[in-house]
Amino acid sequence: MPECQYCGKWFRTKRGLKQHITKAHTTEIPFSGRVLDPTTFDFLGAMERREERRKRRKKGPLW
């Protein structure tokens, strides 16, 4: 499952990830197209989401 490198969200398909990046992490500049917007990056939130997933994946001993 692909993960957004800017905010840490997971998507079912690569196409969904591409659409998310285009809509959420870019801005449109007149006469030049779309460019990445660094103000939409959430690296701390991405780290927190990864840590939560890591905790959920780790299973403790059965006893």
PDB file of N, CA and C in Angstrom:
ATOM      1  N   MET A   1       0.842  -1.172   0.000  1.00  0.00           N
ATOM      2  CA  MET A   1       0.000   0.000   0.000  1.00  0.00           C
ATOM      3  C   MET A   1       0.890   1.239   0.000  1.00  0.00           C
ATOM      4  N   PRO A   2       0.694   2.129  -0.949  1.00  0.00           N
ATOM      5  CA  PRO A   2       1.531   3.328  -1.026  1.00  0.00           C
ATOM      6  C   PRO A   2       1.213   4.329   0.092  1.00  0.00           C
ATOM      7  N   GLU A   3       2.253   5.007   0.531  1.00  0.00           N
ATOM      8  CA  GLU A   3       2.128   5.992   1.601  1.00  0.00           C
ATOM      9  C   GLU A   3       2.553   7.360   1.082  1.00  0.00           C
ATOM     10  N   CYS A   4       1.822   8.390   1.456  1.00  0.00           N
ATOM     11  CA  CYS A   4       2.174   9.750   1.059  1.00  0.00           C
ATOM     12  C   CYS A   4       3.442  10.164   1.796  1.00  0.00           C
ATOM     13  N   GLN A   5       4.426  10.592   1.037  1.00  0.00           N
ATOM     14  CA  GLN A   5       5.693  10.978   1.643  1.00  0.00           C
ATOM     15  C   GLN A   5       5.622  12.316   2.351  1.00  0.00           C
ATOM     16  N   TYR A   6       4.557  13.053   2.149  1.00  0.00           N
ATOM     17  CA  TYR A   6       4.443  14.384   2.746  1.00  0.00           C
ATOM     18  C   TYR A   6       3.619  14.413   4.024  1.00  0.00           C
ATOM     19  N   CYS A   7       2.614  13.541   4.142  1.00  0.00           N
ATOM     20  CA  CYS A   7       1.772  13.579   5.336  1.00  0.00           C
ATOM     21  C   CYS A   7       1.584  12.219   5.995  1.00  0.00           C
ATOM     22  N   GLY A   8       2.029  11.138   5.357  1.00  0.00           N
ATOM     23  CA  GLY A   8       1.981   9.827   5.986  1.00  0.00           C
ATOM     24  C   GLY A   8       0.690   9.059   5.813  1.00  0.00           C
ATOM     25  N   LYS A   9      -0.254   9.557   5.049  1.00  0.00           N
ATOM     26  CA  LYS A   9      -1.504   8.839   4.841  1.00  0.00           C
ATOM     27  C   LYS A   9      -1.278   7.666   3.894  1.00  0.00           C
ATOM     28  N   TRP A  10      -2.036   6.594   4.106  1.00  0.00           N
ATOM     29  CA  TRP A  10      -1.932   5.403   3.277  1.00  0.00           C
ATOM     30  C   TRP A  10      -3.076   5.353   2.287  1.00  0.00           C
ATOM     31  N   PHE A  11      -2.822   4.787   1.122  1.00  0.00           N
ATOM     32  CA  PHE A  11      -3.824   4.672   0.068  1.00  0.00           C
ATOM     33  C   PHE A  11      -3.818   3.262  -0.499  1.00  0.00           C
ATOM     34  N   ARG A  12      -4.939   2.852  -1.029  1.00  0.00           N
ATOM     35  CA  ARG A  12      -5.060   1.502  -1.569  1.00  0.00           C
ATOM     36  C   ARG A  12      -4.347   1.343  -2.903  1.00  0.00           C
ATOM     37  N   THR A  13      -4.279   2.411  -3.690  1.00  0.00           N
ATOM     38  CA  THR A  13      -3.675   2.319  -5.016  1.00  0.00           C
ATOM     39  C   THR A  13      -2.704   3.471  -5.234  1.00  0.00           C
ATOM     40  N   LYS A  14      -1.816   3.281  -6.192  1.00  0.00           N
ATOM     41  CA  LYS A  14      -0.894   4.359  -6.563  1.00  0.00           C
ATOM     42  C   LYS A  14      -1.655   5.518  -7.178  1.00  0.00           C
ATOM     43  N   ARG A  15      -2.712   5.207  -7.893  1.00  0.00           N
ATOM     44  CA  ARG A  15      -3.514   6.268  -8.512  1.00  0.00           C
ATOM     45  C   ARG A  15      -4.158   7.151  -7.435  1.00  0.00           C
ATOM     46  N   GLY A  16      -4.664   6.530  -6.381  1.00  0.00           N
ATOM     47  CA  GLY A  16      -5.241   7.300  -5.282  1.00  0.00           C
ATOM     48  C   GLY A  16      -4.208   8.194  -4.625  1.00  0.00           C
ATOM     49  N   LEU A  17      -2.984   7.677  -4.482  1.00  0.00           N
ATOM     50  CA  LEU A  17      -1.902   8.477  -3.907  1.00  0.00           C
ATOM     51  C   LEU A  17      -1.575   9.669  -4.799  1.00  0.00           C
ATOM     52  N   LYS A  18      -1.498   9.441  -6.106  1.00  0.00           N
ATOM     53  CA  LYS A  18      -1.201  10.538  -7.033  1.00  0.00           C
ATOM     54  C   LYS A  18      -2.277  11.608  -6.992  1.00  0.00           C
ATOM     55  N   GLN A  19      -3.538  11.188  -6.933  1.00  0.00           N
ATOM     56  CA  GLN A  19      -4.634  12.156  -6.859  1.00  0.00           C
ATOM     57  C   GLN A  19      -4.551  12.959  -5.567  1.00  0.00           C
ATOM     58  N   HIS A  20      -4.241  12.282  -4.454  1.00  0.00           N
ATOM     59  CA  HIS A  20      -4.132  12.973  -3.168  1.00  0.00           C
ATOM     60  C   HIS A  20      -3.028  14.022  -3.205  1.00  0.00           C
ATOM     61  N   ILE A  21      -1.864  13.651  -3.723  1.00  0.00           N
ATOM     62  CA  ILE A  21      -0.744  14.595  -3.783  1.00  0.00           C
ATOM     63  C   ILE A  21      -1.107  15.789  -4.656  1.00  0.00           C
ATOM     64  N   THR A  22      -1.753  15.523  -5.791  1.00  0.00           N
ATOM     65  CA  THR A  22      -2.132  16.608  -6.687  1.00  0.00           C
ATOM     66  C   THR A  22      -3.128  17.559  -6.032  1.00  0.00           C
ATOM     67  N   LYS A  23      -4.095  17.019  -5.318  1.00  0.00           N
ATOM     68  CA  LYS A  23      -5.131  17.865  -4.729  1.00  0.00           C
ATOM     69  C   LYS A  23      -4.703  18.507  -3.418  1.00  0.00           C
ATOM     70  N   ALA A  24      -3.952  17.791  -2.591  1.00  0.00           N
ATOM     71  CA  ALA A  24      -3.676  18.274  -1.244  1.00  0.00           C
ATOM     72  C   ALA A  24      -2.332  18.981  -1.094  1.00  0.00           C
ATOM     73  N   HIS A  25      -1.355  18.632  -1.903  1.00  0.00           N
ATOM     74  CA  HIS A  25      -0.006  19.141  -1.669  1.00  0.00           C
ATOM     75  C   HIS A  25       0.543  20.010  -2.798  1.00  0.00           C
ATOM     76  N   THR A  26      -0.301  20.441  -3.716  1.00  0.00           N
ATOM     77  CA  THR A  26       0.164  21.339  -4.766  1.00  0.00           C
ATOM     78  C   THR A  26      -0.732  22.566  -4.834  1.00  0.00           C
ATOM     79  N   THR A  27      -0.191  23.617  -5.401  1.00  0.00           N
ATOM     80  CA  THR A  27      -0.975  24.820  -5.653  1.00  0.00           C
ATOM     81  C   THR A  27      -0.836  25.183  -7.125  1.00  0.00           C
ATOM     82  N   GLU A  28      -1.836  25.846  -7.627  1.00  0.00           N
ATOM     83  CA  GLU A  28      -1.813  26.229  -9.035  1.00  0.00           C
ATOM     84  C   GLU A  28      -1.269  27.642  -9.174  1.00  0.00           C
ATOM     85  N   ILE A  29      -0.305  27.789 -10.052  1.00  0.00           N
ATOM     86  CA  ILE A  29       0.293  29.089 -10.338  1.00  0.00           C
ATOM     87  C   ILE A  29      -0.144  29.484 -11.746  1.00  0.00           C
ATOM     88  N   PRO A  30      -0.680  30.675 -11.898  1.00  0.00           N
ATOM     89  CA  PRO A  30      -1.136  31.092 -13.233  1.00  0.00           C
ATOM     90  C   PRO A  30      -0.008  31.028 -14.262  1.00  0.00           C
ATOM     91  N   PHE A  31      -0.334  30.504 -15.413  1.00  0.00           N
ATOM     92  CA  PHE A  31       0.561  30.437 -16.571  1.00  0.00           C
ATOM     93  C   PHE A  31       1.729  29.458 -16.420  1.00  0.00           C
ATOM     94  N   SER A  32       1.807  28.729 -15.316  1.00  0.00           N
ATOM     95  CA  SER A  32       2.927  27.785 -15.204  1.00  0.00           C
ATOM     96  C   SER A  32       2.512  26.405 -14.684  1.00  0.00           C
ATOM     97  N   GLY A  33       1.264  26.198 -14.342  1.00  0.00           N
ATOM     98  CA  GLY A  33       0.812  24.880 -13.903  1.00  0.00           C
ATOM     99  C   GLY A  33       0.782  24.734 -12.396  1.00  0.00           C
ATOM    100  N   ARG A  34       1.039  23.507 -11.914  1.00  0.00           N
ATOM    101  CA  ARG A  34       0.981  23.217 -10.496  1.00  0.00           C
ATOM    102  C   ARG A  34       2.380  22.952  -9.948  1.00  0.00           C
ATOM    103  N   VAL A  35       2.622  23.389  -8.712  1.00  0.00           N
ATOM    104  CA  VAL A  35       3.894  23.147  -8.035  1.00  0.00           C
ATOM    105  C   VAL A  35       3.603  22.680  -6.612  1.00  0.00           C
ATOM    106  N   LEU A  36       4.558  21.952  -6.026  1.00  0.00           N
ATOM    107  CA  LEU A  36       4.405  21.488  -4.653  1.00  0.00           C
ATOM    108  C   LEU A  36       4.360  22.677  -3.701  1.00  0.00           C
ATOM    109  N   ASP A  37       3.493  22.587  -2.710  1.00  0.00           N
ATOM    110  CA  ASP A  37       3.341  23.637  -1.717  1.00  0.00           C
ATOM    111  C   ASP A  37       3.911  23.138  -0.391  1.00  0.00           C
ATOM    112  N   PRO A  38       5.062  23.622   0.026  1.00  0.00           N
ATOM    113  CA  PRO A  38       5.692  23.107   1.247  1.00  0.00           C
ATOM    114  C   PRO A  38       4.910  23.400   2.522  1.00  0.00           C
ATOM    115  N   THR A  39       3.964  24.307   2.490  1.00  0.00           N
ATOM    116  CA  THR A  39       3.180  24.593   3.689  1.00  0.00           C
ATOM    117  C   THR A  39       2.180  23.476   3.994  1.00  0.00           C
ATOM    118  N   THR A  40       1.934  22.568   3.052  1.00  0.00           N
ATOM    119  CA  THR A  40       0.984  21.486   3.288  1.00  0.00           C
ATOM    120  C   THR A  40       1.663  20.218   3.799  1.00  0.00           C
ATOM    121  N   PHE A  41       2.973  20.215   3.941  1.00  0.00           N
ATOM    122  CA  PHE A  41       3.686  19.031   4.400  1.00  0.00           C
ATOM    123  C   PHE A  41       3.524  18.901   5.912  1.00  0.00           C
ATOM    124  N   ASP A  42       3.269  17.689   6.386  1.00  0.00           N
ATOM    125  CA  ASP A  42       3.089  17.432   7.816  1.00  0.00           C
ATOM    126  C   ASP A  42       3.992  16.272   8.218  1.00  0.00           C
ATOM    127  N   PHE A  43       5.277  16.544   8.366  1.00  0.00           N
ATOM    128  CA  PHE A  43       6.228  15.484   8.662  1.00  0.00           C
ATOM    129  C   PHE A  43       6.042  14.937  10.075  1.00  0.00           C
ATOM    130  N   LEU A  44       5.688  15.786  11.041  1.00  0.00           N
ATOM    131  CA  LEU A  44       5.471  15.307  12.402  1.00  0.00           C
ATOM    132  C   LEU A  44       4.236  14.413  12.468  1.00  0.00           C
ATOM    133  N   GLY A  45       3.175  14.811  11.788  1.00  0.00           N
ATOM    134  CA  GLY A  45       1.977  13.982  11.742  1.00  0.00           C
ATOM    135  C   GLY A  45       2.236  12.644  11.078  1.00  0.00           C
ATOM    136  N   ALA A  46       3.081  12.651  10.055  1.00  0.00           N
ATOM    137  CA  ALA A  46       3.437  11.409   9.367  1.00  0.00           C
ATOM    138  C   ALA A  46       4.191  10.486  10.316  1.00  0.00           C
ATOM    139  N   MET A  47       5.098  11.038  11.103  1.00  0.00           N
ATOM    140  CA  MET A  47       5.841  10.208  12.052  1.00  0.00           C
ATOM    141  C   MET A  47       4.915   9.628  13.107  1.00  0.00           C
ATOM    142  N   GLU A  48       3.944  10.419  13.585  1.00  0.00           N
ATOM    143  CA  GLU A  48       2.989   9.916  14.575  1.00  0.00           C
ATOM    144  C   GLU A  48       2.133   8.797  13.995  1.00  0.00           C
ATOM    145  N   ARG A  49       1.682   8.946  12.748  1.00  0.00           N
ATOM    146  CA  ARG A  49       0.878   7.898  12.119  1.00  0.00           C
ATOM    147  C   ARG A  49       1.680   6.618  11.943  1.00  0.00           C
ATOM    148  N   ARG A  50       2.946   6.756  11.558  1.00  0.00           N
ATOM    149  CA  ARG A  50       3.790   5.573  11.401  1.00  0.00           C
ATOM    150  C   ARG A  50       3.978   4.856  12.734  1.00  0.00           C
ATOM    151  N   GLU A  51       4.177   5.617  13.803  1.00  0.00           N
ATOM    152  CA  GLU A  51       4.348   5.027  15.125  1.00  0.00           C
ATOM    153  C   GLU A  51       3.081   4.295  15.561  1.00  0.00           C
ATOM    154  N   GLU A  52       1.905   4.879  15.308  1.00  0.00           N
ATOM    155  CA  GLU A  52       0.644   4.212  15.646  1.00  0.00           C
ATOM    156  C   GLU A  52       0.497   2.904  14.882  1.00  0.00           C
ATOM    157  N   ARG A  53       0.816   2.925  13.582  1.00  0.00           N
ATOM    158  CA  ARG A  53       0.728   1.694  12.780  1.00  0.00           C
ATOM    159  C   ARG A  53       1.709   0.648  13.282  1.00  0.00           C
ATOM    160  N   ARG A  54       2.899   1.092  13.666  1.00  0.00           N
ATOM    161  CA  ARG A  54       3.910   0.160  14.164  1.00  0.00           C
ATOM    162  C   ARG A  54       3.417  -0.513  15.442  1.00  0.00           C
ATOM    163  N   LYS A  55       2.783   0.248  16.332  1.00  0.00           N
ATOM    164  CA  LYS A  55       2.254  -0.318  17.571  1.00  0.00           C
ATOM    165  C   LYS A  55       1.147  -1.319  17.285  1.00  0.00           C
ATOM    166  N   ARG A  56       0.261  -0.995  16.318  1.00  0.00           N
ATOM    167  CA  ARG A  56      -0.834  -1.902  15.988  1.00  0.00           C
ATOM    168  C   ARG A  56      -0.327  -3.196  15.371  1.00  0.00           C
ATOM    169  N   ARG A  57       0.742  -3.095  14.572  1.00  0.00           N
ATOM    170  CA  ARG A  57       1.263  -4.283  13.890  1.00  0.00           C
ATOM    171  C   ARG A  57       1.971  -5.222  14.849  1.00  0.00           C
ATOM    172  N   LYS A  58       2.669  -4.670  15.823  1.00  0.00           N
ATOM    173  CA  LYS A  58       3.399  -5.522  16.767  1.00  0.00           C
ATOM    174  C   LYS A  58       2.406  -6.232  17.667  1.00  0.00           C
ATOM    175  N   LYS A  59       2.557  -7.525  17.706  1.00  0.00           N
ATOM    176  CA  LYS A  59       1.681  -8.312  18.570  1.00  0.00           C
ATOM    177  C   LYS A  59       2.513  -8.802  19.740  1.00  0.00           C
ATOM    178  N   GLY A  60       1.934  -8.736  20.897  1.00  0.00           N
ATOM    179  CA  GLY A  60       2.635  -9.187  22.094  1.00  0.00           C
ATOM    180  C   GLY A  60       2.595 -10.711  22.195  1.00  0.00           C
ATOM    181  N   PRO A  61       3.246 -11.240  23.211  1.00  0.00           N
ATOM    182  CA  PRO A  61       3.235 -12.682  23.395  1.00  0.00           C
ATOM    183  C   PRO A  61       1.829 -13.165  23.739  1.00  0.00           C
ATOM    184  N   LEU A  62       1.574 -14.404  23.440  1.00  0.00           N
ATOM    185  CA  LEU A  62       0.247 -14.950  23.694  1.00  0.00           C
ATOM    186  C   LEU A  62      -0.010 -15.159  25.171  1.00  0.00           C
ATOM    187  N   TRP A  63       1.038 -15.285  25.967  1.00  0.00           N
ATOM    188  CA  TRP A  63       0.851 -15.511  27.392  1.00  0.00           C
ATOM    189  C   TRP A  63       0.985 -14.282  28.168  1.00  0.00           C
TER     190      TRP A  63
END
